[in-house]
N, C-alpha and C. Protein backbone atom coordinates (compact mmCIF):
# COMPACT_ATOMS: atom_id res chain seq x y z
N GLU A 1 105.45 121.93 94.44
CA GLU A 1 105.81 120.89 93.43
C GLU A 1 104.76 120.28 92.65
N ILE A 2 105.21 119.85 91.46
CA ILE A 2 104.38 119.34 90.62
C ILE A 2 104.23 117.87 90.58
N SER A 3 102.98 117.32 90.84
CA SER A 3 103.24 115.79 90.89
C SER A 3 102.75 115.07 89.33
N GLU A 4 103.30 113.93 89.42
CA GLU A 4 103.01 113.38 87.84
C GLU A 4 101.85 113.32 87.60
N MET A 5 100.90 113.10 88.41
CA MET A 5 99.34 113.11 88.04
C MET A 5 98.88 114.28 87.34
N SER A 6 99.51 115.62 87.56
CA SER A 6 99.02 116.61 87.06
C SER A 6 99.56 116.99 85.69
N TRP A 7 100.36 115.94 85.33
CA TRP A 7 100.87 116.11 83.68
C TRP A 7 100.19 115.18 83.14
N ASN A 8 98.89 115.61 82.71
CA ASN A 8 97.96 114.69 82.05
C ASN A 8 97.40 115.31 80.65
N VAL A 9 98.39 115.78 79.76
CA VAL A 9 98.33 116.31 78.73
C VAL A 9 97.06 115.73 77.66
N GLY A 10 97.33 114.20 77.60
CA GLY A 10 96.33 113.60 76.82
C GLY A 10 95.04 113.70 77.28
N LYS A 11 94.67 113.69 78.55
CA LYS A 11 93.40 114.02 79.01
C LYS A 11 92.72 115.20 78.50
N VAL A 12 93.61 116.21 78.52
CA VAL A 12 93.33 117.67 78.32
C VAL A 12 92.79 117.69 76.69
N PHE A 13 93.71 116.98 76.04
CA PHE A 13 93.27 117.07 74.30
C PHE A 13 92.08 116.11 74.21
N LEU A 14 91.96 115.10 75.06
CA LEU A 14 90.68 114.25 74.89
C LEU A 14 89.24 115.06 75.19
N GLN A 15 89.51 115.83 76.34
CA GLN A 15 88.42 116.83 76.67
C GLN A 15 88.06 117.76 75.62
N LEU A 16 89.18 118.29 74.78
CA LEU A 16 88.89 119.49 73.93
C LEU A 16 88.62 118.92 72.48
N ALA A 17 89.12 117.64 72.14
CA ALA A 17 88.94 117.27 70.65
C ALA A 17 87.51 117.24 70.09
N PRO A 18 86.51 117.27 70.81
CA PRO A 18 85.11 117.51 70.23
C PRO A 18 84.81 118.86 69.76
N PHE A 19 85.53 120.04 70.61
CA PHE A 19 85.32 121.33 69.99
C PHE A 19 86.25 121.69 68.91
N MET A 20 87.35 120.74 68.74
CA MET A 20 88.31 121.11 67.61
C MET A 20 87.65 120.86 66.30
N LYS A 21 86.37 120.05 66.37
CA LYS A 21 85.68 119.55 64.88
C LYS A 21 85.62 120.93 64.28
N VAL A 22 85.33 122.00 64.82
CA VAL A 22 84.97 123.44 64.26
C VAL A 22 85.98 123.74 62.94
N TYR A 23 86.97 123.19 63.56
CA TYR A 23 88.15 123.37 62.43
C TYR A 23 87.96 123.10 61.09
N THR A 24 87.22 121.59 61.07
CA THR A 24 86.84 120.99 59.76
C THR A 24 86.04 122.01 58.88
N THR A 25 85.16 122.67 59.78
CA THR A 25 84.16 123.57 58.86
C THR A 25 85.00 124.80 58.32
N TYR A 26 85.96 125.30 59.18
CA TYR A 26 86.77 126.38 58.95
C TYR A 26 87.75 126.02 57.67
N ILE A 27 88.39 124.89 57.68
CA ILE A 27 89.04 124.35 56.59
C ILE A 27 88.60 124.30 55.34
N ASN A 28 87.40 123.75 55.49
CA ASN A 28 86.53 123.29 54.24
C ASN A 28 86.20 124.94 53.45
N ASN A 29 85.97 125.89 54.32
CA ASN A 29 85.49 127.17 53.54
C ASN A 29 86.59 127.98 53.53
N TYR A 30 88.00 127.49 54.06
CA TYR A 30 89.22 128.53 54.02
C TYR A 30 89.40 129.08 52.39
N ASN A 31 89.30 128.09 51.49
CA ASN A 31 89.88 128.75 50.00
C ASN A 31 88.49 129.73 49.64
N LYS A 32 87.39 129.58 50.03
CA LYS A 32 86.29 130.71 49.69
C LYS A 32 86.67 131.79 50.31
N ALA A 33 87.17 131.95 51.51
CA ALA A 33 87.67 133.00 52.38
C ALA A 33 88.51 133.85 51.59
N GLN A 34 89.64 132.96 51.22
CA GLN A 34 90.86 133.46 50.65
C GLN A 34 90.40 134.13 49.03
N VAL A 35 89.53 133.56 48.49
CA VAL A 35 89.26 134.10 46.90
C VAL A 35 88.53 135.34 47.31
N ALA A 36 87.59 135.56 48.25
CA ALA A 36 86.46 136.62 48.87
C ALA A 36 87.65 137.81 48.95
N LEU A 37 88.50 137.44 50.11
CA LEU A 37 89.61 138.61 50.47
C LEU A 37 90.24 139.08 49.10
N CYS A 38 91.00 137.87 48.28
CA CYS A 38 91.41 138.73 47.17
C CYS A 38 90.48 139.44 46.32
N LYS A 39 89.45 139.09 45.94
CA LYS A 39 88.43 139.80 45.29
C LYS A 39 88.00 141.26 45.79
N LEU A 40 87.92 141.15 46.98
CA LEU A 40 87.43 142.53 47.82
C LEU A 40 89.01 143.31 47.61
N THR A 41 89.98 143.08 47.98
CA THR A 41 91.26 143.76 47.89
C THR A 41 91.43 144.33 46.45
N LYS A 42 91.25 143.59 45.65
CA LYS A 42 91.21 144.13 44.27
C LYS A 42 90.27 145.17 43.68
N LYS A 43 88.94 144.85 44.18
CA LYS A 43 87.86 145.69 43.50
C LYS A 43 87.59 146.91 44.49
N ARG A 44 87.93 146.74 45.84
CA ARG A 44 87.39 147.77 46.62
C ARG A 44 88.56 148.82 47.31
N LYS A 45 88.80 149.58 46.85
CA LYS A 45 89.39 150.77 47.77
C LYS A 45 89.63 150.83 48.92
N ALA A 46 88.33 151.08 49.13
CA ALA A 46 87.97 151.29 50.75
C ALA A 46 88.57 150.06 51.72
N PHE A 47 88.24 148.98 51.13
CA PHE A 47 88.72 147.93 51.69
C PHE A 47 90.23 147.77 51.94
N ARG A 48 90.59 147.93 50.81
CA ARG A 48 92.11 148.30 51.00
C ARG A 48 92.60 149.08 52.11
N ILE A 49 92.08 150.24 52.17
CA ILE A 49 92.20 151.26 52.95
C ILE A 49 92.00 150.71 54.31
N PHE A 50 91.09 150.12 54.72
CA PHE A 50 90.69 149.48 56.01
C PHE A 50 91.90 148.73 56.40
N LEU A 51 92.04 147.54 55.60
CA LEU A 51 93.18 146.44 55.83
C LEU A 51 94.59 147.40 56.13
N ALA A 52 94.80 148.18 55.44
CA ALA A 52 96.23 149.09 55.60
C ALA A 52 96.24 149.75 56.92
N GLU A 53 95.01 150.23 57.40
CA GLU A 53 95.03 150.85 58.72
C GLU A 53 95.06 149.87 59.80
N ARG A 54 94.32 148.79 59.63
CA ARG A 54 94.18 147.68 60.64
C ARG A 54 95.67 147.13 60.76
N GLU A 55 96.49 146.73 59.68
CA GLU A 55 97.76 146.24 59.74
C GLU A 55 98.61 147.35 60.42
N ARG A 56 98.55 148.45 60.13
CA ARG A 56 99.46 149.63 60.61
C ARG A 56 98.98 149.75 62.13
N THR A 57 97.67 149.75 62.44
CA THR A 57 97.59 149.69 64.05
C THR A 57 97.55 148.45 64.86
N SER A 58 97.70 147.33 64.28
CA SER A 58 97.65 146.09 64.75
C SER A 58 98.96 145.66 65.81
N GLN A 59 98.92 145.02 66.56
CA GLN A 59 100.05 144.49 67.48
C GLN A 59 100.73 143.18 66.75
N SER A 60 99.74 142.78 65.63
CA SER A 60 100.39 141.59 65.06
C SER A 60 101.11 141.83 63.88
N PRO A 61 102.11 141.09 63.60
CA PRO A 61 102.86 141.33 62.33
C PRO A 61 102.27 140.79 61.24
N LEU A 62 101.31 139.93 61.36
CA LEU A 62 100.54 139.26 60.22
C LEU A 62 99.73 140.06 59.59
N ASP A 63 99.57 139.85 58.19
CA ASP A 63 98.42 140.52 57.32
C ASP A 63 97.10 139.66 57.73
N LEU A 64 96.02 140.02 57.12
CA LEU A 64 94.65 139.01 57.22
C LEU A 64 94.88 137.95 56.62
N ALA A 65 95.54 137.78 55.58
CA ALA A 65 95.76 136.51 54.71
C ALA A 65 96.73 135.55 55.55
N SER A 66 97.60 136.08 56.09
CA SER A 66 98.33 135.28 57.08
C SER A 66 97.74 134.93 58.29
N LEU A 67 96.80 135.46 58.85
CA LEU A 67 96.08 135.29 60.07
C LEU A 67 95.09 134.22 59.61
N LEU A 68 94.64 134.18 58.40
CA LEU A 68 93.36 133.41 58.03
C LEU A 68 94.00 131.85 58.16
N ILE A 69 95.10 131.81 57.64
CA ILE A 69 95.88 130.41 57.52
C ILE A 69 96.16 129.86 58.99
N THR A 70 96.29 130.71 59.95
CA THR A 70 96.79 130.31 61.33
C THR A 70 95.89 129.04 61.81
N PRO A 71 94.52 129.10 61.70
CA PRO A 71 93.94 127.88 62.39
C PRO A 71 93.98 126.64 61.47
N ILE A 72 94.37 126.93 60.10
CA ILE A 72 94.63 125.41 59.27
C ILE A 72 95.75 124.72 59.75
N GLN A 73 96.80 125.68 60.25
CA GLN A 73 98.16 125.26 60.67
C GLN A 73 98.11 124.45 61.90
N ARG A 74 96.97 124.69 62.91
CA ARG A 74 97.00 124.16 64.38
C ARG A 74 96.81 122.91 64.67
N ILE A 75 96.04 122.29 63.85
CA ILE A 75 95.61 120.82 63.90
C ILE A 75 96.85 120.15 63.69
N PRO A 76 97.41 120.31 62.61
CA PRO A 76 98.86 119.51 62.39
C PRO A 76 99.91 119.69 63.46
N ARG A 77 99.97 121.03 63.81
CA ARG A 77 100.89 121.18 64.98
C ARG A 77 100.51 120.43 66.18
N TYR A 78 99.22 120.14 66.44
CA TYR A 78 98.86 119.53 67.62
C TYR A 78 99.17 117.81 67.40
N LYS A 79 98.91 117.44 66.14
CA LYS A 79 99.24 116.09 65.68
C LYS A 79 100.81 115.87 65.92
N LEU A 80 101.55 116.64 65.55
CA LEU A 80 103.19 116.43 65.92
C LEU A 80 103.42 116.47 67.23
N LEU A 81 102.78 117.41 68.08
CA LEU A 81 103.11 117.50 69.52
C LEU A 81 102.76 116.06 70.36
N LEU A 82 101.45 115.67 69.78
CA LEU A 82 101.16 114.43 70.40
C LEU A 82 101.97 113.12 69.82
N GLU A 83 102.41 113.20 68.70
CA GLU A 83 103.28 112.23 68.20
C GLU A 83 104.87 112.65 69.18
N ASP A 84 105.17 113.60 69.25
CA ASP A 84 106.29 113.58 70.09
C ASP A 84 106.41 113.23 71.58
N LEU A 85 105.09 113.66 71.90
CA LEU A 85 104.88 113.26 73.43
C LEU A 85 104.84 111.88 73.63
N ILE A 86 104.12 111.23 72.91
CA ILE A 86 104.04 109.72 72.62
C ILE A 86 105.21 108.90 72.54
N LYS A 87 106.24 109.36 71.69
CA LYS A 87 107.52 109.10 71.34
C LYS A 87 108.52 109.07 72.52
N ASN A 88 108.31 110.04 73.52
CA ASN A 88 109.14 110.44 74.50
C ASN A 88 108.15 110.05 75.96
N THR A 89 107.14 109.38 75.85
CA THR A 89 106.82 109.06 77.21
C THR A 89 106.63 107.51 77.42
N PRO A 90 107.15 107.15 78.68
CA PRO A 90 107.28 105.60 78.69
C PRO A 90 105.65 104.98 78.73
N GLU A 91 105.59 103.82 78.29
CA GLU A 91 104.57 103.08 78.22
C GLU A 91 103.68 103.05 79.61
N THR A 92 104.77 103.14 80.70
CA THR A 92 104.19 102.81 82.13
C THR A 92 103.52 104.11 82.58
N HIS A 93 103.66 105.28 81.87
CA HIS A 93 103.28 106.58 82.46
C HIS A 93 101.81 106.71 82.57
N VAL A 94 101.39 107.56 83.36
CA VAL A 94 99.92 107.70 83.65
C VAL A 94 99.35 108.07 82.47
N ASP A 95 100.03 108.86 81.56
CA ASP A 95 99.21 109.82 80.42
C ASP A 95 99.45 109.03 79.07
N CYS A 96 100.41 107.87 79.16
CA CYS A 96 100.47 107.23 77.80
C CYS A 96 99.15 106.93 77.10
N LYS A 97 98.52 106.24 77.50
CA LYS A 97 96.93 105.63 77.11
C LYS A 97 96.33 106.72 76.65
N GLU A 98 96.36 107.90 77.32
CA GLU A 98 95.36 109.04 77.03
C GLU A 98 95.98 109.92 76.02
N LEU A 99 97.19 109.96 75.76
CA LEU A 99 97.94 110.63 74.84
C LEU A 99 97.78 109.94 73.30
N LYS A 100 97.91 108.66 73.40
CA LYS A 100 97.53 107.77 72.12
C LYS A 100 96.17 107.85 71.80
N GLY A 101 95.01 107.85 72.70
CA GLY A 101 93.61 108.08 72.26
C GLY A 101 93.53 109.49 71.84
N ALA A 102 94.29 110.67 72.44
CA ALA A 102 94.01 112.04 72.03
C ALA A 102 94.60 112.27 70.26
N ASP A 103 95.61 111.29 70.38
CA ASP A 103 96.37 111.59 69.02
C ASP A 103 95.45 110.73 67.84
N GLU A 104 94.58 109.84 68.21
CA GLU A 104 93.61 109.21 67.39
C GLU A 104 92.75 110.32 67.01
N LYS A 105 92.16 110.97 68.08
CA LYS A 105 90.97 111.94 67.95
C LYS A 105 91.63 112.96 67.03
N ILE A 106 92.71 113.42 67.33
CA ILE A 106 93.31 114.61 66.55
C ILE A 106 93.53 114.24 65.02
N SER A 107 93.82 112.81 64.78
CA SER A 107 94.18 112.38 63.38
C SER A 107 92.49 112.30 62.62
N GLU A 108 91.56 111.78 63.31
CA GLU A 108 90.41 111.88 62.88
C GLU A 108 89.91 113.40 62.43
N ILE A 109 90.16 114.19 63.19
CA ILE A 109 89.91 115.88 62.85
C ILE A 109 90.61 116.18 61.52
N ALA A 110 91.83 115.80 61.75
CA ALA A 110 92.75 116.33 60.46
C ALA A 110 92.51 115.64 59.32
N ALA A 111 91.86 114.48 59.43
CA ALA A 111 91.65 113.85 58.09
C ALA A 111 90.66 114.39 57.15
């Protein structure tokens, strides 16, 4: 049986929030990575062959450009999840305060 105390999602997000700041660096450099990928794909046949081979043998249905954007989409998804949890968590619940704190931290990272 799972006790109410074990459902402390806000606490987990608060503990992980400092590590999520690496996303800011990634996001700030995403456009450079996208431009570099485009240039390499256009100019280097060997690179195109390499990408095609990786896509053919990969278990992921996504190509490299699609994979590059995935981390950028993660923080907004966390924000939406936290907002939904807050909306559906009673003020008296043990996790409510920490959910709100986690939402603030994720908002700072997303800004």
